[in-house]
Structures are given as structure tokens and as C-alpha cells.
Amino acid sequence: MHPPDPPYLFVQQELRSVLAIKRHELLSEIDALGEDSILKTDREKLCEYFRQKYSLEAPTVSKEFPEIIDRREIKLAGGAYARIPIAGHISATEIVFSLAIEGDHKLFHYAPSSTSSVPPHGEAGDGDLFSEARDGELVFSMVSLTETPDQIRAEADRNVATIRQYLSWMAIDLDRFNKEIRTATREKIESRSQRIKKDQALIEGVGYPIRRRSDEVASYAVPTVRRKVIPNLPAAGTASKPEPFLELKDYDDILNTLHNMATVMERSPSAFAGLNEEAIRWLFLIPLNGLYEGQATGETFNFNGKTDILIRINGRNIFVAECAIWRGPAYLSQKVDQLLGYATWRDSKLALLIFNKDRELTKILASMGEVLKQHHNFKRELTRSSKTEFRCVLAHRDDPERDLILTVCAFEVPA
């Protein structure tokens, strides 16, 4: 028989109350999502995220039989059981059983919609009565006064069977809940999406300029106000005629614009699959022209070759970039030579955009750095702004004293 006042399972709170709170938390989290998260995140991926986060699975008993983990002598007060009318205390043997379980042990506290008149007893890895309880097990005990081994076993089996029954009832409730939240999630996201679009149309209909939020997520959309690359002139008093050059912050800003476009490609692979180098280059020119007054051009003749992306200020080339799909270290070295061949004496900022379709980017990044360090025009490595780029100083092809800054950026693109 079980001890007096055992810790009962599935009695602390009704499961339906817990699920109602969880459903409210789900809808509140969707309400708190930013507009960009609602409108720009793939709908199916967003629904799957919430399904995984809020779905619940009933725990299971992973073994058919429990095992005995302890036996100890205890004192019971006379009269604790009807069949012991004597006063005082009597000795009894308490046998402790462990039942292997899988799943969230907190669910053993909650009562499913179907219950029996007498719930099972025990503690699921988080109680304070059984110090033997560990994660992944449920512990309960039986008390023997004059019971035979068969009687003890029958009582233990009955408790285990009741536990299994409660878990089967809980599984039915949770399966129904999981289906409900999938539907509720999709409806809530769709409702918010429609509301956001309606509000945006309302604001745009007013006709006044809209101030952009400082926390707005970067995208490849062309901004309303375009930037201008404002070249700095050398200090007064130089002997030669002043020439424009690109500030490092503007150089980094251009590379960041290209990086944002690459991120768009990474997040929407199906939309860009199968693109060749020329098509990829034009995709990068769209945001670049939008940001810099259309001064970025494609297939522009520069010195003795064609370069992919070129920015010219007052007739001077201040930014030159090449796009290439990764075809190995030797090909990278060839592209660096090609880029140096395009650069005039006045070109000071260069970039090489490498698009990887092999899905081994870590190996490519390591190889990329080695190729550049071994190049005969390499002077020194510069601090990089991300793990997927390599920045260095190269000597001009025809003037070793003339420094050129080269940044090689690697991006994953759909195969």
C-alpha cells in the first residue's frame, strides 16, 4: 500500500488553465513583433517558429517496469490505517521505486480534462520528498507491513498503470491544443499583416513626408533620400593638382550596401537561384545606384579592361569592384591580378565580391586569406569588419610606392 499522505500527481492545477495562459502568451508575442518581422519574414518560417516554441508534448514512460532504488525502515503512527487499531508507533518497510520518463516533468503537476477518482502518486524529478529523484525519472514508494511481494508488485503496477492512463488523457488534450495554436498563429499573423498594411496605406494617403525610424531594419529597397560620395581633397600646399579620393567611411558604407544585398539573396535563395555573374552584378547595382545618385555603372571601360562596378567622381575613379563566383584559389589570384590591371594610378579603393555556391564557406575563407597574403603585390593585412571578408593593402601594379586598399568579401549564394 502507499504511505499516508503521499505526493499525488496531476493535482496542482488544471491543464486547461495552463494552456489558456500559454495561448495568451503566444498571441501577445505576435502582437509585440515589429512590422518588418511581420511583413518581411517568410510566413511559413514564422508560423513554424511559433509552433515549435509553444507546442507541448505529453511526457511518456520510457520503460515497461519500474526499478527498486531504495528500501528503508519507517515508523507509522498506530491508527494510520484502519486495520491497525493499536496506539503508538509501529515499524514498516518503505520500498522506493523509480520509473524512467521522457518529457517535461512539470506537466505531471497538471490535471488533464479526464481524471479518475484516485490519482497516481509520486514525484517527477523536482520534488523534495524523494532525495533520490533525478532528471528523467519519476519516484514513488510503497509501504509494507505484512504484505507479500506479489501484493507489493500488484500495488506498484496499479500506480504505474494509472500514471500511463493520465498521460494518455493528457496527450489527447495537448494534441488538440497544438492544432489550435497552429491555426491561431496563422490567423493572428495574417490579421496583424492586414492591419499593418492598412495603417501604412492610411499614412501614405495623408501625403506628408514620413520620417524613417532609427531602428528600421536594413533592406535593399531604394531609400527616398540618396547619398552622395563627397570626396576629400588633400591639404592645401601640395605640389601636384588636387585629386579626389574616397574616405574610408564612405568605402565601408558602399561595402555595407553590397553586403545588405547579399544578405537578401541568402535569405531568399529560391528567388535568386541560377543567376550567373552578370545577373548578380546587376542586382548589386540596383541599391548602389539608388544610394549614390546613379554614379555606379556596369561594364564601364576603365584603363585597359572592363570592371564590374565603378564609381567615378569628377572624372576620377575612386571605387572599383569585381564580382566572381568562387572557382578555387588559383581563380581568386587571377581575379586579383585582373582587378589590379583595371586600376589606374588614382584608384585607391578596390573590392572583390566572391559568391560561393559550394557550401564550404569556412574552408574558402581560410584559403582566401592565404591567397592574398602570398600575392606578389601584398603589403600588409588590415583590420577586417566581419568574419567573411579579408582587407589588405596592395602595391599598385606599376608603382610599388602607391598603396591600394583591397577588400575581398565572400557571400553564400543559392546554387
Protein backbone atom coordinates (compact mmCIF):
# COMPACT_ATOMS: atom_id res chain seq x y z
CA MET A 1 0.00 0.00 0.00
CA HIS A 2 1.12 3.57 -0.44
CA PRO A 3 2.34 5.63 2.55
CA PRO A 4 -0.01 8.02 4.36
CA ASP A 5 -0.38 11.43 2.65
CA PRO A 6 1.70 10.59 -0.44
CA PRO A 7 2.55 13.31 -3.01
CA TYR A 8 -0.14 12.95 -5.66
CA LEU A 9 0.49 13.60 -9.33
CA PHE A 10 -1.72 15.66 -11.73
CA VAL A 11 -3.49 17.59 -8.94
CA GLN A 12 -1.82 21.01 -8.53
CA GLN A 13 -3.61 22.84 -11.36
CA GLU A 14 -5.94 22.13 -14.25
CA LEU A 15 -4.13 21.68 -17.55
CA ARG A 16 -6.71 23.76 -19.44
CA SER A 17 -5.82 26.82 -17.31
CA VAL A 18 -2.13 26.38 -18.08
CA LEU A 19 -2.86 26.05 -21.80
CA ALA A 20 -5.04 29.15 -21.78
CA ILE A 21 -2.15 31.16 -20.32
CA LYS A 22 0.26 29.73 -22.89
CA ARG A 23 -2.09 30.62 -25.75
CA HIS A 24 -2.34 34.18 -24.42
CA GLU A 25 1.48 34.42 -24.29
CA LEU A 26 1.67 33.24 -27.91
CA LEU A 27 -0.77 35.85 -29.20
CA SER A 28 0.89 38.58 -27.10
CA GLU A 29 4.30 37.75 -28.57
CA ILE A 30 2.91 38.02 -32.10
CA ASP A 31 1.33 41.35 -31.18
CA ALA A 32 4.73 42.58 -29.97
CA LEU A 33 6.53 41.72 -33.22
CA GLY A 34 7.82 44.65 -35.23
CA GLU A 35 6.22 45.48 -38.55
CA ASP A 36 9.27 44.31 -40.51
CA SER A 37 9.16 40.94 -38.78
CA ILE A 38 5.52 40.51 -39.82
CA LEU A 39 5.82 41.76 -43.40
CA LYS A 40 9.36 40.70 -44.39
CA THR A 41 9.72 37.31 -42.70
CA ASP A 42 8.71 34.21 -44.63
CA ARG A 43 5.20 33.39 -43.40
CA GLU A 44 5.74 29.64 -43.17
CA LYS A 45 9.01 30.01 -41.28
CA LEU A 46 7.41 32.44 -38.83
CA CYS A 47 4.50 30.07 -38.17
CA GLU A 48 6.89 27.16 -37.73
CA TYR A 49 8.92 29.15 -35.20
CA PHE A 50 5.87 29.74 -33.01
CA ARG A 51 4.69 26.16 -33.45
CA GLN A 52 7.98 24.81 -32.15
CA LYS A 53 8.13 27.33 -29.31
CA TYR A 54 4.61 26.86 -27.96
CA SER A 55 3.67 23.27 -28.82
CA LEU A 56 3.59 20.81 -25.92
CA GLU A 57 4.06 17.07 -25.90
CA ALA A 58 2.85 14.81 -23.13
CA PRO A 59 5.59 13.04 -21.16
CA THR A 60 5.99 9.31 -21.71
CA VAL A 61 7.04 6.35 -19.60
CA SER A 62 10.10 5.03 -21.38
CA LYS A 63 10.38 1.61 -19.70
CA GLU A 64 7.77 -1.05 -19.09
CA PHE A 65 8.66 -1.70 -15.44
CA PRO A 66 9.96 0.48 -12.60
CA GLU A 67 13.10 -0.42 -10.68
CA ILE A 68 13.63 -0.51 -6.92
CA ILE A 69 16.17 2.11 -5.85
CA ASP A 70 15.84 2.07 -2.05
CA ARG A 71 14.44 0.20 0.95
CA ARG A 72 14.21 1.77 4.40
CA GLU A 73 12.58 1.23 7.78
CA ILE A 74 9.99 3.82 8.80
CA LYS A 75 7.75 4.42 11.83
CA LEU A 76 4.00 4.68 11.33
CA ALA A 77 1.59 6.00 13.91
CA GLY A 78 -0.90 3.38 15.09
CA GLY A 79 -4.29 4.11 13.61
CA ALA A 80 -2.79 5.45 10.43
CA TYR A 81 -4.52 2.53 8.74
CA ALA A 82 -7.88 1.12 9.73
CA ARG A 83 -6.52 -2.37 10.15
CA ILE A 84 -4.01 -1.24 12.84
CA PRO A 85 -6.08 -0.07 15.79
CA ILE A 86 -3.23 -0.08 18.34
CA ALA A 87 -1.77 3.12 19.79
CA GLY A 88 1.85 4.22 19.47
CA HIS A 89 4.19 3.65 16.54
CA ILE A 90 4.88 0.54 14.56
CA SER A 91 7.73 -0.36 12.23
CA ALA A 92 7.16 -0.73 8.50
CA THR A 93 9.27 -1.09 5.37
CA GLU A 94 9.10 1.56 2.65
CA ILE A 95 10.18 0.46 -0.82
CA VAL A 96 11.11 3.27 -3.25
CA PHE A 97 10.57 2.75 -6.99
CA SER A 98 11.95 4.72 -9.93
CA LEU A 99 10.10 4.96 -13.24
CA ALA A 100 12.02 6.22 -16.28
CA ILE A 101 10.17 9.06 -18.05
CA GLU A 102 10.82 11.35 -21.01
CA GLY A 103 9.49 14.86 -21.48
CA ASP A 104 8.71 17.92 -19.39
CA HIS A 105 8.33 16.76 -15.79
CA LYS A 106 6.37 19.91 -14.89
CA LEU A 107 3.40 18.53 -16.81
CA PHE A 108 2.97 15.87 -14.11
CA HIS A 109 1.53 18.65 -11.92
CA TYR A 110 -1.45 19.40 -14.17
CA ALA A 111 -4.76 17.57 -14.35
CA PRO A 112 -5.97 16.63 -17.85
CA SER A 113 -9.64 17.03 -18.81
CA SER A 114 -10.27 13.34 -17.95
CA THR A 115 -9.32 12.06 -14.47
CA SER A 116 -10.00 9.14 -12.13
CA SER A 117 -11.33 9.22 -8.58
CA VAL A 118 -7.89 8.42 -7.12
CA PRO A 119 -4.89 9.95 -8.94
CA PRO A 120 -1.49 8.25 -9.03
CA HIS A 121 1.22 9.27 -6.60
CA GLY A 122 4.90 10.07 -6.89
CA GLU A 123 7.30 12.92 -7.73
CA ALA A 124 8.75 13.64 -11.14
CA GLY A 125 12.35 14.73 -10.65
CA ASP A 126 11.56 18.02 -8.89
CA GLY A 127 10.06 17.08 -5.57
CA ASP A 128 11.53 17.40 -2.08
CA LEU A 129 10.31 14.14 -0.50
CA PHE A 130 12.47 11.78 -2.51
CA SER A 131 16.11 12.84 -2.47
CA GLU A 132 16.83 10.02 -4.94
CA ALA A 133 14.78 11.66 -7.70
CA ARG A 134 16.81 12.73 -10.71
CA ASP A 135 16.01 14.30 -14.05
CA GLY A 136 14.35 11.79 -16.32
CA GLU A 137 12.71 9.73 -13.62
CA LEU A 138 9.57 9.61 -11.52
CA VAL A 139 9.87 8.24 -7.98
CA PHE A 140 7.12 6.73 -5.82
CA SER A 141 7.03 4.39 -2.80
CA MET A 142 5.03 1.54 -1.30
CA VAL A 143 4.78 0.62 2.38
CA SER A 144 4.82 -2.98 3.56
CA LEU A 145 3.53 -4.14 6.95
CA THR A 146 2.58 -7.74 6.30
CA GLU A 147 2.17 -7.59 2.50
CA THR A 148 3.64 -10.27 0.34
CA PRO A 149 5.94 -9.50 -2.63
CA ASP A 150 3.07 -10.19 -5.01
CA GLN A 151 0.85 -7.68 -3.22
CA ILE A 152 3.58 -5.03 -3.31
CA ARG A 153 4.16 -5.66 -7.02
CA ALA A 154 0.42 -5.51 -7.79
CA GLU A 155 0.11 -2.17 -5.99
CA ALA A 156 3.13 -0.73 -7.80
CA ASP A 157 1.81 -1.95 -11.17
CA ARG A 158 -1.55 -0.32 -10.42
CA ASN A 159 0.13 3.03 -9.73
CA VAL A 160 2.19 2.80 -12.94
CA ALA A 161 -0.90 1.91 -14.98
CA THR A 162 -2.75 4.93 -13.59
CA ILE A 163 0.20 7.18 -14.48
CA ARG A 164 0.12 5.85 -18.04
CA GLN A 165 -3.63 6.44 -18.24
CA TYR A 166 -3.30 10.07 -17.13
CA LEU A 167 -0.53 10.65 -19.67
CA SER A 168 -2.72 9.25 -22.46
CA TRP A 169 -5.52 11.63 -21.45
CA MET A 170 -3.02 14.50 -21.38
CA ALA A 171 -1.72 13.57 -24.85
CA ILE A 172 -5.26 13.98 -26.24
CA ASP A 173 -5.58 17.43 -24.65
CA LEU A 174 -2.17 18.58 -25.89
CA ASP A 175 -2.73 17.30 -29.42
CA ARG A 176 -5.92 19.37 -29.56
CA PHE A 177 -4.04 22.39 -28.14
CA ASN A 178 -1.21 22.09 -30.67
CA LYS A 179 -3.67 22.07 -33.56
CA GLU A 180 -5.46 25.11 -32.11
CA ILE A 181 -2.29 27.17 -31.76
CA ARG A 182 -1.21 26.38 -35.33
CA THR A 183 -4.50 27.81 -36.54
CA ALA A 184 -4.42 30.70 -34.07
CA THR A 185 -0.85 31.61 -35.04
CA ARG A 186 -1.60 31.76 -38.75
CA GLU A 187 -4.79 33.78 -38.20
CA LYS A 188 -3.06 36.21 -35.84
CA ILE A 189 -0.12 36.83 -38.16
CA GLU A 190 -2.45 37.34 -41.11
CA SER A 191 -4.60 39.71 -39.06
CA ARG A 192 -1.58 41.77 -38.00
CA SER A 193 -0.24 41.82 -41.55
CA GLN A 194 -3.51 43.15 -42.91
CA ARG A 195 -3.73 45.75 -40.15
CA ILE A 196 -0.16 46.96 -40.75
CA LYS A 197 -0.76 47.28 -44.49
CA LYS A 198 -4.00 49.15 -43.84
CA ASP A 199 -2.23 51.54 -41.46
CA GLN A 200 0.62 52.09 -43.92
CA ALA A 201 -1.86 52.90 -46.69
CA LEU A 202 -3.61 55.33 -44.36
CA ILE A 203 -0.36 57.16 -43.51
CA GLU A 204 0.80 57.27 -47.11
CA GLY A 205 -2.60 58.62 -48.13
CA VAL A 206 -2.09 61.68 -45.94
CA GLY A 207 0.63 62.78 -48.34
CA TYR A 208 3.16 64.21 -45.90
CA PRO A 209 6.82 63.08 -45.77
CA ILE A 210 7.43 60.11 -43.47
CA ARG A 211 10.39 60.19 -41.07
CA ARG A 212 12.21 56.85 -41.10
CA ARG A 213 12.72 55.15 -37.76
CA SER A 214 16.30 54.89 -36.48
CA ASP A 215 15.74 51.18 -35.71
CA GLU A 216 14.31 50.29 -39.11
CA VAL A 217 15.65 47.02 -40.48
CA ALA A 218 18.02 47.50 -43.41
CA SER A 219 16.74 46.22 -46.74
CA TYR A 220 17.60 46.54 -50.39
CA ALA A 221 14.77 49.00 -51.06
CA VAL A 222 15.93 52.25 -52.64
CA PRO A 223 15.76 55.00 -49.99
CA THR A 224 13.86 58.24 -50.57
CA VAL A 225 16.93 60.44 -49.98
CA ARG A 226 20.02 59.46 -51.90
CA ARG A 227 23.51 59.90 -50.54
CA LYS A 228 26.43 61.49 -52.27
CA VAL A 229 30.04 60.42 -52.05
CA ILE A 230 31.80 63.66 -51.17
CA PRO A 231 35.49 63.28 -51.91
CA ASN A 232 38.03 65.00 -49.69
CA LEU A 233 40.88 66.94 -51.21
CA PRO A 234 44.46 66.72 -49.94
CA ALA A 235 45.70 69.50 -47.68
CA ALA A 236 46.46 72.84 -49.32
CA GLY A 237 50.01 73.41 -50.44
CA THR A 238 50.58 70.15 -52.28
CA ALA A 239 52.72 70.45 -55.34
CA SER A 240 50.53 68.39 -57.60
CA LYS A 241 46.99 69.14 -58.71
CA PRO A 242 44.45 68.10 -56.01
CA GLU A 243 42.72 64.81 -56.77
CA PRO A 244 39.56 63.36 -55.21
CA PHE A 245 39.73 60.25 -53.05
CA LEU A 246 37.22 58.11 -51.23
CA GLU A 247 37.00 58.44 -47.45
CA LEU A 248 37.32 55.13 -45.62
CA LYS A 249 33.89 55.61 -44.00
CA ASP A 250 32.32 56.03 -47.46
CA TYR A 251 34.23 53.00 -48.69
CA ASP A 252 32.85 50.96 -45.77
CA ASP A 253 29.36 52.32 -46.43
CA ILE A 254 29.49 51.16 -50.05
CA LEU A 255 30.64 47.69 -48.96
CA ASN A 256 27.87 47.59 -46.35
CA THR A 257 25.32 48.36 -49.08
CA LEU A 258 26.64 45.45 -51.13
CA HIS A 259 26.63 43.23 -48.03
CA ASN A 260 22.95 44.04 -47.37
CA MET A 261 22.06 42.98 -50.90
CA ALA A 262 23.98 39.73 -50.42
CA THR A 263 22.04 39.12 -47.19
CA VAL A 264 18.78 39.48 -49.12
CA MET A 265 20.00 36.80 -51.54
CA GLU A 266 20.98 34.50 -48.66
CA ARG A 267 17.56 34.83 -47.03
CA SER A 268 15.57 34.27 -50.25
CA PRO A 269 17.57 31.62 -52.10
CA SER A 270 14.76 30.42 -54.35
CA ALA A 271 14.33 33.90 -55.85
CA PHE A 272 17.98 34.12 -56.95
CA ALA A 273 18.86 30.53 -57.81
CA GLY A 274 20.60 30.04 -61.16
CA LEU A 275 21.92 33.59 -61.52
CA ASN A 276 25.25 33.99 -63.32
CA GLU A 277 27.92 36.60 -62.53
CA GLU A 278 26.45 39.22 -64.85
CA ALA A 279 22.94 38.90 -63.38
CA ILE A 280 24.32 39.06 -59.83
CA ARG A 281 26.29 42.20 -60.70
CA TRP A 282 23.15 43.99 -61.91
CA LEU A 283 21.37 43.09 -58.68
CA PHE A 284 24.12 44.86 -56.74
CA LEU A 285 23.97 47.89 -58.98
CA ILE A 286 20.29 48.49 -58.10
CA PRO A 287 20.82 49.54 -54.45
CA LEU A 288 24.18 51.14 -55.23
CA ASN A 289 22.72 53.44 -57.85
CA GLY A 290 19.82 54.20 -55.54
CA LEU A 291 22.14 55.31 -52.77
CA TYR A 292 24.75 57.21 -54.77
CA GLU A 293 22.98 59.35 -57.35
CA GLY A 294 23.37 56.81 -60.15
CA GLN A 295 27.15 57.17 -60.28
CA ALA A 296 27.68 53.41 -60.14
CA THR A 297 27.85 51.84 -63.58
CA GLY A 298 28.28 48.37 -65.00
CA GLU A 299 30.67 47.15 -67.72
CA THR A 300 32.43 50.53 -67.71
CA PHE A 301 35.75 50.71 -69.58
CA ASN A 302 38.46 51.70 -67.14
CA PHE A 303 42.13 51.82 -68.15
CA ASN A 304 42.72 48.62 -70.16
CA GLY A 305 39.82 46.40 -69.26
CA LYS A 306 36.21 46.17 -68.11
CA THR A 307 35.33 46.25 -64.46
CA ASP A 308 32.03 45.14 -62.95
CA ILE A 309 31.25 48.08 -60.66
CA LEU A 310 32.82 51.52 -60.89
CA ILE A 311 32.18 54.84 -59.14
CA ARG A 312 33.63 57.94 -60.76
CA ILE A 313 33.76 61.43 -59.22
CA ASN A 314 34.69 64.40 -61.38
CA GLY A 315 36.21 62.11 -63.98
CA ARG A 316 38.28 60.23 -61.39
CA ASN A 317 37.72 56.57 -60.50
CA ILE A 318 37.52 56.28 -56.72
CA PHE A 319 35.92 52.83 -56.33
CA VAL A 320 36.48 49.75 -58.48
CA ALA A 321 34.94 46.33 -57.79
CA GLU A 322 34.80 42.92 -59.45
CA CYS A 323 32.19 40.17 -58.96
CA ALA A 324 33.18 36.50 -59.28
CA ILE A 325 31.82 33.07 -58.42
CA TRP A 326 34.31 31.01 -56.39
CA ARG A 327 36.23 28.57 -58.56
CA GLY A 328 39.24 27.90 -56.36
CA PRO A 329 42.39 29.66 -55.07
CA ALA A 330 44.07 29.98 -58.47
CA TYR A 331 40.98 31.69 -59.88
CA LEU A 332 40.97 34.15 -56.96
CA SER A 333 44.59 35.08 -57.61
CA GLN A 334 43.72 35.59 -61.28
CA LYS A 335 40.82 37.91 -60.35
CA VAL A 336 43.12 39.98 -58.11
CA ASP A 337 45.54 40.39 -60.99
CA GLN A 338 42.65 41.35 -63.25
CA LEU A 339 41.42 43.94 -60.76
CA LEU A 340 44.89 45.44 -60.42
CA GLY A 341 45.04 45.63 -64.20
CA TYR A 342 41.88 47.71 -64.25
CA ALA A 343 43.05 50.11 -61.54
CA THR A 344 44.61 53.38 -62.63
CA TRP A 345 47.19 55.25 -60.57
CA ARG A 346 44.38 57.28 -58.98
CA ASP A 347 42.18 54.28 -57.97
CA SER A 348 42.68 53.90 -54.22
CA LYS A 349 39.80 51.68 -53.07
CA LEU A 350 39.16 48.25 -54.61
CA ALA A 351 36.76 45.42 -53.81
CA LEU A 352 36.34 41.82 -54.94
CA LEU A 353 32.98 40.16 -54.28
CA ILE A 354 33.21 36.37 -54.17
CA PHE A 355 29.99 34.36 -54.44
CA ASN A 356 30.17 30.83 -53.06
CA LYS A 357 27.88 28.03 -54.21
CA ASP A 358 29.91 25.12 -52.78
CA ARG A 359 28.55 25.39 -49.20
CA GLU A 360 32.01 25.14 -47.61
CA LEU A 361 32.46 28.79 -46.75
CA THR A 362 34.77 28.20 -43.77
CA LYS A 363 37.35 26.46 -45.95
CA ILE A 364 37.03 29.12 -48.63
CA LEU A 365 37.62 31.95 -46.11
CA ALA A 366 40.82 30.29 -44.90
CA SER A 367 42.02 29.74 -48.47
CA MET A 368 41.09 33.29 -49.43
CA GLY A 369 43.39 34.81 -46.80
CA GLU A 370 46.31 32.61 -47.80
CA VAL A 371 45.98 33.50 -51.49
CA LEU A 372 46.04 37.23 -50.78
CA LYS A 373 48.99 37.03 -48.36
CA GLN A 374 51.03 35.14 -50.97
CA HIS A 375 50.20 37.57 -53.78
CA HIS A 376 53.31 39.37 -55.09
CA ASN A 377 51.63 42.79 -54.63
CA PHE A 378 50.62 42.11 -50.99
CA LYS A 379 51.96 44.61 -48.45
CA ARG A 380 50.04 44.13 -45.20
CA GLU A 381 46.76 42.94 -43.75
CA LEU A 382 44.23 45.45 -42.37
CA THR A 383 41.57 45.05 -39.70
CA ARG A 384 38.50 43.34 -41.11
CA SER A 385 34.94 44.37 -40.19
CA SER A 386 33.44 40.86 -40.45
CA LYS A 387 34.49 37.20 -40.50
CA THR A 388 33.54 36.86 -44.14
CA GLU A 389 35.94 39.42 -45.55
CA PHE A 390 39.69 40.00 -45.89
CA ARG A 391 41.15 43.51 -46.19
CA CYS A 392 44.71 44.34 -47.14
CA VAL A 393 47.00 46.90 -48.75
CA LEU A 394 48.38 46.05 -52.19
CA ALA A 395 51.06 47.81 -54.16
CA HIS A 396 49.98 49.35 -57.46
CA ARG A 397 50.97 47.22 -60.43
CA ASP A 398 53.27 49.87 -61.92
CA ASP A 399 54.17 51.89 -58.81
CA PRO A 400 55.20 49.96 -55.67
CA GLU A 401 55.03 53.19 -53.63
CA ARG A 402 51.36 53.68 -54.48
CA ASP A 403 49.07 51.87 -51.99
CA LEU A 404 45.72 50.39 -52.95
CA ILE A 405 43.21 49.09 -50.40
CA LEU A 406 41.52 45.84 -51.40
CA THR A 407 38.61 44.21 -49.57
CA VAL A 408 37.57 40.70 -50.59
CA CYS A 409 34.06 39.81 -49.39
CA ALA A 410 32.65 36.29 -49.52
CA PHE A 411 28.91 35.58 -49.69
CA GLU A 412 26.78 32.45 -49.85
CA VAL A 413 24.50 32.43 -52.89
CA PRO A 414 21.93 29.81 -53.95
CA ALA A 415 23.30 27.02 -56.09
